[in-house]
Amino acid sequence: MAIDVLLAHPHPSVRAALAGMLGGESDIDVVGECGDGRRALDLAGRLLPDVLVTGLRLPGLDGVELTRRLVGRTGPHGGRVVVLADAASCALAFEALGAGARGLLCQDTDTGELPRALRLVGGGGALVSPRLTRPLIDACLGGPGIPETPALDNLTAREREVLSLVGTGLSTQEIADRLVVAEVTAKTHVRRTMVKLGARTRTRLVAIAYESGMLRPRARS
């Protein structure tokens, strides 16, 4: 079954480039595109895309508020948002993650990274581009009003393992396969880990995995 994607970005050339990257993917369909946040919210309500890919600086509604409103909706299509950002906008991108976005990619994402991210987020996973991890952590540590990283001391060994796997971007089913347990069991482990760490979204778990030092950003080649 194909993943339906809605593209929202103020620049037509960027939307065209993103659509071009996905044109050859048989399991991904671009069902709509627009350059305005309010229009994106309306289209998302009518088209019910599996994933919304959005820039941060949209007219009408910015990417953070757009994400917040989409995630606030009930139903299976509410929170699957992938945000496009760069190192200079990581503080704003962190707000989008806090609002419930499940993915964060570089504005100049490539033809391999984008489809992989959409499949991962469309399947219930979360992803932060390795190129943005260091700037994102800096934004987390230095930005005003950013919550402190919770201690991991009260996690069980299995919950620590689950946190690490979520941090690497695995979906619930992939975590279940890695741990050799049923998907419902993996889902329970993820939920308990979120509760103990006060994380409202899986993307927040990804950030915690890096902030705590459990995972480290890949060195740039």
C-alpha atoms as a PDB file:
ATOM      1  CA  MET A   1       0.000   0.000   0.000  1.00  0.00           C
ATOM      2  CA  ALA A   2       1.423   3.361  -1.050  1.00  0.00           C
ATOM      3  CA  ILE A   3       2.316   6.115   1.419  1.00  0.00           C
ATOM      4  CA  ASP A   4       0.363   9.281   0.584  1.00  0.00           C
ATOM      5  CA  VAL A   5       2.435  12.436   1.078  1.00  0.00           C
ATOM      6  CA  LEU A   6       1.458  16.109   1.224  1.00  0.00           C
ATOM      7  CA  LEU A   7       4.183  18.704   0.558  1.00  0.00           C
ATOM      8  CA  ALA A   8       4.061  22.173   2.149  1.00  0.00           C
ATOM      9  CA  HIS A   9       6.814  24.684   1.399  1.00  0.00           C
ATOM     10  CA  PRO A  10       6.738  28.384   0.460  1.00  0.00           C
ATOM     11  CA  HIS A  11       9.072  27.948  -2.530  1.00  0.00           C
ATOM     12  CA  PRO A  12       7.645  26.190  -5.619  1.00  0.00           C
ATOM     13  CA  SER A  13      11.138  25.138  -6.711  1.00  0.00           C
ATOM     14  CA  VAL A  14      11.664  23.263  -3.437  1.00  0.00           C
ATOM     15  CA  ARG A  15       8.292  21.535  -3.729  1.00  0.00           C
ATOM     16  CA  ALA A  16       9.144  20.547  -7.296  1.00  0.00           C
ATOM     17  CA  ALA A  17      12.503  19.153  -6.185  1.00  0.00           C
ATOM     18  CA  LEU A  18      10.898  17.137  -3.383  1.00  0.00           C
ATOM     19  CA  ALA A  19       8.234  15.776  -5.724  1.00  0.00           C
ATOM     20  CA  GLY A  20      10.958  14.882  -8.218  1.00  0.00           C
ATOM     21  CA  MET A  21      12.848  12.893  -5.575  1.00  0.00           C
ATOM     22  CA  LEU A  22       9.730  10.843  -4.899  1.00  0.00           C
ATOM     23  CA  GLY A  23       8.586  10.417  -8.481  1.00  0.00           C
ATOM     24  CA  GLY A  24      10.400   7.133  -8.965  1.00  0.00           C
ATOM     25  CA  GLU A  25       9.237   5.549  -5.703  1.00  0.00           C
ATOM     26  CA  SER A  26       6.497   3.011  -6.427  1.00  0.00           C
ATOM     27  CA  ASP A  27       5.315   2.935  -2.805  1.00  0.00           C
ATOM     28  CA  ILE A  28       5.116   6.724  -2.274  1.00  0.00           C
ATOM     29  CA  ASP A  29       2.520   9.032  -3.859  1.00  0.00           C
ATOM     30  CA  VAL A  30       2.519  12.836  -3.646  1.00  0.00           C
ATOM     31  CA  VAL A  31      -1.200  13.579  -3.297  1.00  0.00           C
ATOM     32  CA  GLY A  32      -0.947  17.349  -2.977  1.00  0.00           C
ATOM     33  CA  GLU A  33       1.274  20.368  -2.438  1.00  0.00           C
ATOM     34  CA  CYS A  34       0.932  23.970  -1.342  1.00  0.00           C
ATOM     35  CA  GLY A  35       2.943  26.957  -0.140  1.00  0.00           C
ATOM     36  CA  ASP A  36       0.754  28.182   2.727  1.00  0.00           C
ATOM     37  CA  GLY A  37       0.286  26.789   6.233  1.00  0.00           C
ATOM     38  CA  ARG A  38      -3.471  27.321   6.393  1.00  0.00           C
ATOM     39  CA  ARG A  39      -3.878  25.742   2.981  1.00  0.00           C
ATOM     40  CA  ALA A  40      -1.778  22.783   4.163  1.00  0.00           C
ATOM     41  CA  LEU A  41      -4.023  22.341   7.199  1.00  0.00           C
ATOM     42  CA  ASP A  42      -7.092  22.363   4.966  1.00  0.00           C
ATOM     43  CA  LEU A  43      -5.583  19.916   2.458  1.00  0.00           C
ATOM     44  CA  ALA A  44      -4.469  17.581   5.241  1.00  0.00           C
ATOM     45  CA  GLY A  45      -8.038  17.476   6.524  1.00  0.00           C
ATOM     46  CA  ARG A  46      -9.434  16.645   3.093  1.00  0.00           C
ATOM     47  CA  LEU A  47      -6.720  14.425   1.603  1.00  0.00           C
ATOM     48  CA  LEU A  48      -5.730  12.613   4.839  1.00  0.00           C
ATOM     49  CA  PRO A  49      -2.083  12.068   3.823  1.00  0.00           C
ATOM     50  CA  ASP A  50      -0.047   9.478   5.674  1.00  0.00           C
ATOM     51  CA  VAL A  51       2.810  11.984   6.067  1.00  0.00           C
ATOM     52  CA  LEU A  52       3.044  15.766   5.774  1.00  0.00           C
ATOM     53  CA  VAL A  53       6.432  17.165   4.730  1.00  0.00           C
ATOM     54  CA  THR A  54       6.657  20.825   5.697  1.00  0.00           C
ATOM     55  CA  GLY A  55       9.058  23.714   5.852  1.00  0.00           C
ATOM     56  CA  LEU A  56       9.236  25.825   8.998  1.00  0.00           C
ATOM     57  CA  ARG A  57       8.646  29.319   7.616  1.00  0.00           C
ATOM     58  CA  LEU A  58       5.279  29.054   5.909  1.00  0.00           C
ATOM     59  CA  PRO A  59       2.964  32.042   5.469  1.00  0.00           C
ATOM     60  CA  GLY A  60      -0.408  31.794   7.185  1.00  0.00           C
ATOM     61  CA  LEU A  61       0.673  29.186   9.740  1.00  0.00           C
ATOM     62  CA  ASP A  62       4.335  28.421  10.352  1.00  0.00           C
ATOM     63  CA  GLY A  63       5.581  24.845  10.442  1.00  0.00           C
ATOM     64  CA  VAL A  64       5.487  24.643  14.245  1.00  0.00           C
ATOM     65  CA  GLU A  65       1.866  25.747  14.568  1.00  0.00           C
ATOM     66  CA  LEU A  66       0.858  23.627  11.584  1.00  0.00           C
ATOM     67  CA  THR A  67       2.423  20.595  13.258  1.00  0.00           C
ATOM     68  CA  ARG A  68       0.756  21.386  16.581  1.00  0.00           C
ATOM     69  CA  ARG A  69      -2.694  21.612  15.002  1.00  0.00           C
ATOM     70  CA  LEU A  70      -2.289  18.461  12.941  1.00  0.00           C
ATOM     71  CA  VAL A  71      -1.042  16.441  15.893  1.00  0.00           C
ATOM     72  CA  GLY A  72      -3.936  17.767  17.958  1.00  0.00           C
ATOM     73  CA  ARG A  73      -6.405  16.137  15.621  1.00  0.00           C
ATOM     74  CA  THR A  74      -7.745  12.700  16.457  1.00  0.00           C
ATOM     75  CA  GLY A  75      -7.348   9.730  14.160  1.00  0.00           C
ATOM     76  CA  PRO A  76      -4.434   7.853  12.592  1.00  0.00           C
ATOM     77  CA  HIS A  77      -3.341  10.733  10.353  1.00  0.00           C
ATOM     78  CA  GLY A  78      -2.880  13.347  13.069  1.00  0.00           C
ATOM     79  CA  GLY A  79       0.804  13.320  13.926  1.00  0.00           C
ATOM     80  CA  ARG A  80       2.911  12.103  11.026  1.00  0.00           C
ATOM     81  CA  VAL A  81       4.856  15.234  10.194  1.00  0.00           C
ATOM     82  CA  VAL A  82       8.375  15.506   8.745  1.00  0.00           C
ATOM     83  CA  VAL A  83       9.953  18.950   9.113  1.00  0.00           C
ATOM     84  CA  LEU A  84      12.611  20.370   6.785  1.00  0.00           C
ATOM     85  CA  ALA A  85      15.198  22.543   8.542  1.00  0.00           C
ATOM     86  CA  ASP A  86      18.818  23.667   8.504  1.00  0.00           C
ATOM     87  CA  ALA A  87      21.406  24.263  11.214  1.00  0.00           C
ATOM     88  CA  ALA A  88      20.352  27.903  11.592  1.00  0.00           C
ATOM     89  CA  SER A  89      16.724  27.001  12.336  1.00  0.00           C
ATOM     90  CA  CYS A  90      17.278  24.142  14.780  1.00  0.00           C
ATOM     91  CA  ALA A  91      15.813  26.053  17.729  1.00  0.00           C
ATOM     92  CA  LEU A  92      12.575  26.410  15.766  1.00  0.00           C
ATOM     93  CA  ALA A  93      12.846  22.801  14.609  1.00  0.00           C
ATOM     94  CA  PHE A  94      13.081  21.711  18.240  1.00  0.00           C
ATOM     95  CA  GLU A  95       9.763  23.468  18.858  1.00  0.00           C
ATOM     96  CA  ALA A  96       8.268  21.470  15.986  1.00  0.00           C
ATOM     97  CA  LEU A  97       9.531  18.242  17.547  1.00  0.00           C
ATOM     98  CA  GLY A  98       7.994  19.312  20.830  1.00  0.00           C
ATOM     99  CA  ALA A  99       4.743  19.953  18.974  1.00  0.00           C
ATOM    100  CA  GLY A 100       4.766  16.335  17.821  1.00  0.00           C
ATOM    101  CA  ALA A 101       6.672  16.141  14.518  1.00  0.00           C
ATOM    102  CA  ARG A 102       8.103  12.663  13.966  1.00  0.00           C
ATOM    103  CA  GLY A 103      10.886  13.515  11.554  1.00  0.00           C
ATOM    104  CA  LEU A 104      13.501  16.202  11.025  1.00  0.00           C
ATOM    105  CA  LEU A 105      15.439  16.374   7.768  1.00  0.00           C
ATOM    106  CA  CYS A 106      17.904  18.809   6.255  1.00  0.00           C
ATOM    107  CA  GLN A 107      16.430  21.345   3.882  1.00  0.00           C
ATOM    108  CA  ASP A 108      18.783  19.944   1.222  1.00  0.00           C
ATOM    109  CA  THR A 109      17.834  16.317   1.889  1.00  0.00           C
ATOM    110  CA  ASP A 110      18.903  13.882  -0.816  1.00  0.00           C
ATOM    111  CA  THR A 111      17.073  11.341  -2.941  1.00  0.00           C
ATOM    112  CA  GLY A 112      17.941   8.457  -0.618  1.00  0.00           C
ATOM    113  CA  GLU A 113      17.234  10.081   2.740  1.00  0.00           C
ATOM    114  CA  LEU A 114      13.776  11.468   1.965  1.00  0.00           C
ATOM    115  CA  PRO A 115      12.069   8.221   0.848  1.00  0.00           C
ATOM    116  CA  ARG A 116      13.635   6.326   3.758  1.00  0.00           C
ATOM    117  CA  ALA A 117      12.354   8.930   6.216  1.00  0.00           C
ATOM    118  CA  LEU A 118       8.853   8.828   4.756  1.00  0.00           C
ATOM    119  CA  ARG A 119       8.708   5.037   4.963  1.00  0.00           C
ATOM    120  CA  LEU A 120       9.958   5.126   8.537  1.00  0.00           C
ATOM    121  CA  VAL A 121       7.603   7.862   9.735  1.00  0.00           C
ATOM    122  CA  GLY A 122       4.726   6.451   7.699  1.00  0.00           C
ATOM    123  CA  GLY A 123       5.245   3.160   9.514  1.00  0.00           C
ATOM    124  CA  GLY A 124       5.106   4.787  12.934  1.00  0.00           C
ATOM    125  CA  GLY A 125       8.819   5.447  13.474  1.00  0.00           C
ATOM    126  CA  ALA A 126      10.773   8.644  14.087  1.00  0.00           C
ATOM    127  CA  LEU A 127      13.900  10.055  12.470  1.00  0.00           C
ATOM    128  CA  VAL A 128      16.336  12.931  12.977  1.00  0.00           C
ATOM    129  CA  SER A 129      18.861  13.483  10.189  1.00  0.00           C
ATOM    130  CA  PRO A 130      22.415  12.805  11.466  1.00  0.00           C
ATOM    131  CA  ARG A 131      23.512  16.107   9.917  1.00  0.00           C
ATOM    132  CA  LEU A 132      21.135  17.991  12.220  1.00  0.00           C
ATOM    133  CA  THR A 133      21.757  16.036  15.409  1.00  0.00           C
ATOM    134  CA  ARG A 134      24.595  18.199  16.744  1.00  0.00           C
ATOM    135  CA  PRO A 135      22.882  21.546  15.998  1.00  0.00           C
ATOM    136  CA  LEU A 136      19.653  20.170  17.447  1.00  0.00           C
ATOM    137  CA  ILE A 137      21.358  19.119  20.674  1.00  0.00           C
ATOM    138  CA  ASP A 138      22.967  22.562  20.916  1.00  0.00           C
ATOM    139  CA  ALA A 139      19.514  24.109  20.515  1.00  0.00           C
ATOM    140  CA  CYS A 140      18.135  21.776  23.185  1.00  0.00           C
ATOM    141  CA  LEU A 141      20.858  22.671  25.663  1.00  0.00           C
ATOM    142  CA  GLY A 142      21.010  26.373  24.959  1.00  0.00           C
ATOM    143  CA  GLY A 143      17.465  27.351  24.092  1.00  0.00           C
ATOM    144  CA  PRO A 144      15.208  29.115  26.599  1.00  0.00           C
ATOM    145  CA  GLY A 145      12.501  27.038  28.182  1.00  0.00           C
ATOM    146  CA  ILE A 146      13.936  23.714  27.008  1.00  0.00           C
ATOM    147  CA  PRO A 147      13.295  20.975  29.578  1.00  0.00           C
ATOM    148  CA  GLU A 148      16.271  19.252  31.155  1.00  0.00           C
ATOM    149  CA  THR A 149      17.095  15.777  29.962  1.00  0.00           C
ATOM    150  CA  PRO A 150      15.472  13.315  32.367  1.00  0.00           C
ATOM    151  CA  ALA A 151      17.680  10.824  34.188  1.00  0.00           C
ATOM    152  CA  LEU A 152      17.685   7.273  32.890  1.00  0.00           C
ATOM    153  CA  ASP A 153      18.279   5.689  36.300  1.00  0.00           C
ATOM    154  CA  ASN A 154      14.697   4.508  36.732  1.00  0.00           C
ATOM    155  CA  LEU A 155      14.619   2.665  33.401  1.00  0.00           C
ATOM    156  CA  THR A 156      14.945  -1.096  33.327  1.00  0.00           C
ATOM    157  CA  ALA A 157      17.622  -2.696  31.158  1.00  0.00           C
ATOM    158  CA  ARG A 158      14.978  -3.566  28.562  1.00  0.00           C
ATOM    159  CA  GLU A 159      13.615  -0.004  28.567  1.00  0.00           C
ATOM    160  CA  ARG A 160      17.131   1.351  28.037  1.00  0.00           C
ATOM    161  CA  GLU A 161      17.488  -0.999  25.097  1.00  0.00           C
ATOM    162  CA  VAL A 162      14.157   0.178  23.713  1.00  0.00           C
ATOM    163  CA  LEU A 163      15.195   3.828  24.113  1.00  0.00           C
ATOM    164  CA  SER A 164      18.373   3.134  22.167  1.00  0.00           C
ATOM    165  CA  LEU A 165      16.440   1.408  19.372  1.00  0.00           C
ATOM    166  CA  VAL A 166      13.882   4.222  19.164  1.00  0.00           C
ATOM    167  CA  GLY A 167      16.798   6.659  19.046  1.00  0.00           C
ATOM    168  CA  THR A 168      18.211   4.936  15.973  1.00  0.00           C
ATOM    169  CA  GLY A 169      14.878   5.438  14.217  1.00  0.00           C
ATOM    170  CA  LEU A 170      13.382   1.943  14.321  1.00  0.00           C
ATOM    171  CA  SER A 171       9.617   1.516  14.097  1.00  0.00           C
ATOM    172  CA  THR A 172       7.683  -0.480  16.698  1.00  0.00           C
ATOM    173  CA  GLN A 173       7.592  -3.542  14.446  1.00  0.00           C
ATOM    174  CA  GLU A 174      11.344  -3.303  13.804  1.00  0.00           C
ATOM    175  CA  ILE A 175      11.964  -3.031  17.554  1.00  0.00           C
ATOM    176  CA  ALA A 176       9.799  -6.109  18.096  1.00  0.00           C
ATOM    177  CA  ASP A 177      11.798  -8.005  15.473  1.00  0.00           C
ATOM    178  CA  ARG A 178      15.100  -6.924  17.042  1.00  0.00           C
ATOM    179  CA  LEU A 179      13.985  -7.970  20.541  1.00  0.00           C
ATOM    180  CA  VAL A 180      12.219 -11.113  19.274  1.00  0.00           C
ATOM    181  CA  VAL A 181       8.936 -10.190  20.958  1.00  0.00           C
ATOM    182  CA  ALA A 182       5.400  -9.506  19.769  1.00  0.00           C
ATOM    183  CA  GLU A 183       4.675  -6.039  18.377  1.00  0.00           C
ATOM    184  CA  VAL A 184       2.182  -5.375  21.193  1.00  0.00           C
ATOM    185  CA  THR A 185       4.928  -6.144  23.733  1.00  0.00           C
ATOM    186  CA  ALA A 186       7.331  -3.750  22.019  1.00  0.00           C
ATOM    187  CA  LYS A 187       4.605  -1.103  21.979  1.00  0.00           C
ATOM    188  CA  THR A 188       4.140  -1.565  25.739  1.00  0.00           C
ATOM    189  CA  HIS A 189       7.887  -1.145  26.344  1.00  0.00           C
ATOM    190  CA  VAL A 190       7.924   2.047  24.269  1.00  0.00           C
ATOM    191  CA  ARG A 191       4.890   3.443  26.086  1.00  0.00           C
ATOM    192  CA  ARG A 192       6.353   2.701  29.536  1.00  0.00           C
ATOM    193  CA  THR A 193       9.649   4.300  28.540  1.00  0.00           C
ATOM    194  CA  MET A 194       7.818   7.415  27.367  1.00  0.00           C
ATOM    195  CA  VAL A 195       5.865   7.624  30.633  1.00  0.00           C
ATOM    196  CA  LYS A 196       8.971   7.233  32.811  1.00  0.00           C
ATOM    197  CA  LEU A 197      10.870   9.890  30.852  1.00  0.00           C
ATOM    198  CA  GLY A 198       7.942  12.277  30.534  1.00  0.00           C
ATOM    199  CA  ALA A 199       8.148  12.136  26.736  1.00  0.00           C
ATOM    200  CA  ARG A 200       4.908  12.880  24.913  1.00  0.00           C
ATOM    201  CA  THR A 201       6.201  11.805  21.498  1.00  0.00           C
ATOM    202  CA  ARG A 202       8.608   9.228  20.082  1.00  0.00           C
ATOM    203  CA  THR A 203      10.630  12.060  18.598  1.00  0.00           C
ATOM    204  CA  ARG A 204      11.238  13.373  22.116  1.00  0.00           C
ATOM    205  CA  LEU A 205      12.594   9.912  22.969  1.00  0.00           C
ATOM    206  CA  VAL A 206      15.042  10.267  20.068  1.00  0.00           C
ATOM    207  CA  ALA A 207      16.219  13.614  21.452  1.00  0.00           C
ATOM    208  CA  ILE A 208      16.570  12.152  24.969  1.00  0.00           C
ATOM    209  CA  ALA A 209      18.668   9.265  23.649  1.00  0.00           C
ATOM    210  CA  TYR A 210      21.161  11.774  22.239  1.00  0.00           C
ATOM    211  CA  GLU A 211      20.963  14.368  25.019  1.00  0.00           C
ATOM    212  CA  SER A 212      21.678  11.720  27.661  1.00  0.00           C
ATOM    213  CA  GLY A 213      24.760  10.487  25.813  1.00  0.00           C
ATOM    214  CA  MET A 214      23.253   7.049  25.169  1.00  0.00           C
ATOM    215  CA  LEU A 215      23.676   7.706  21.442  1.00  0.00           C
ATOM    216  CA  ARG A 216      26.191   9.994  19.797  1.00  0.00           C
ATOM    217  CA  PRO A 217      25.956  11.882  16.499  1.00  0.00           C
ATOM    218  CA  ARG A 218      27.808  10.337  13.601  1.00  0.00           C
ATOM    219  CA  ALA A 219      31.007  12.110  12.691  1.00  0.00           C
ATOM    220  CA  ARG A 220      30.813  13.928   9.383  1.00  0.00           C
ATOM    221  CA  SER A 221      32.957  12.461   6.655  1.00  0.00           C
END
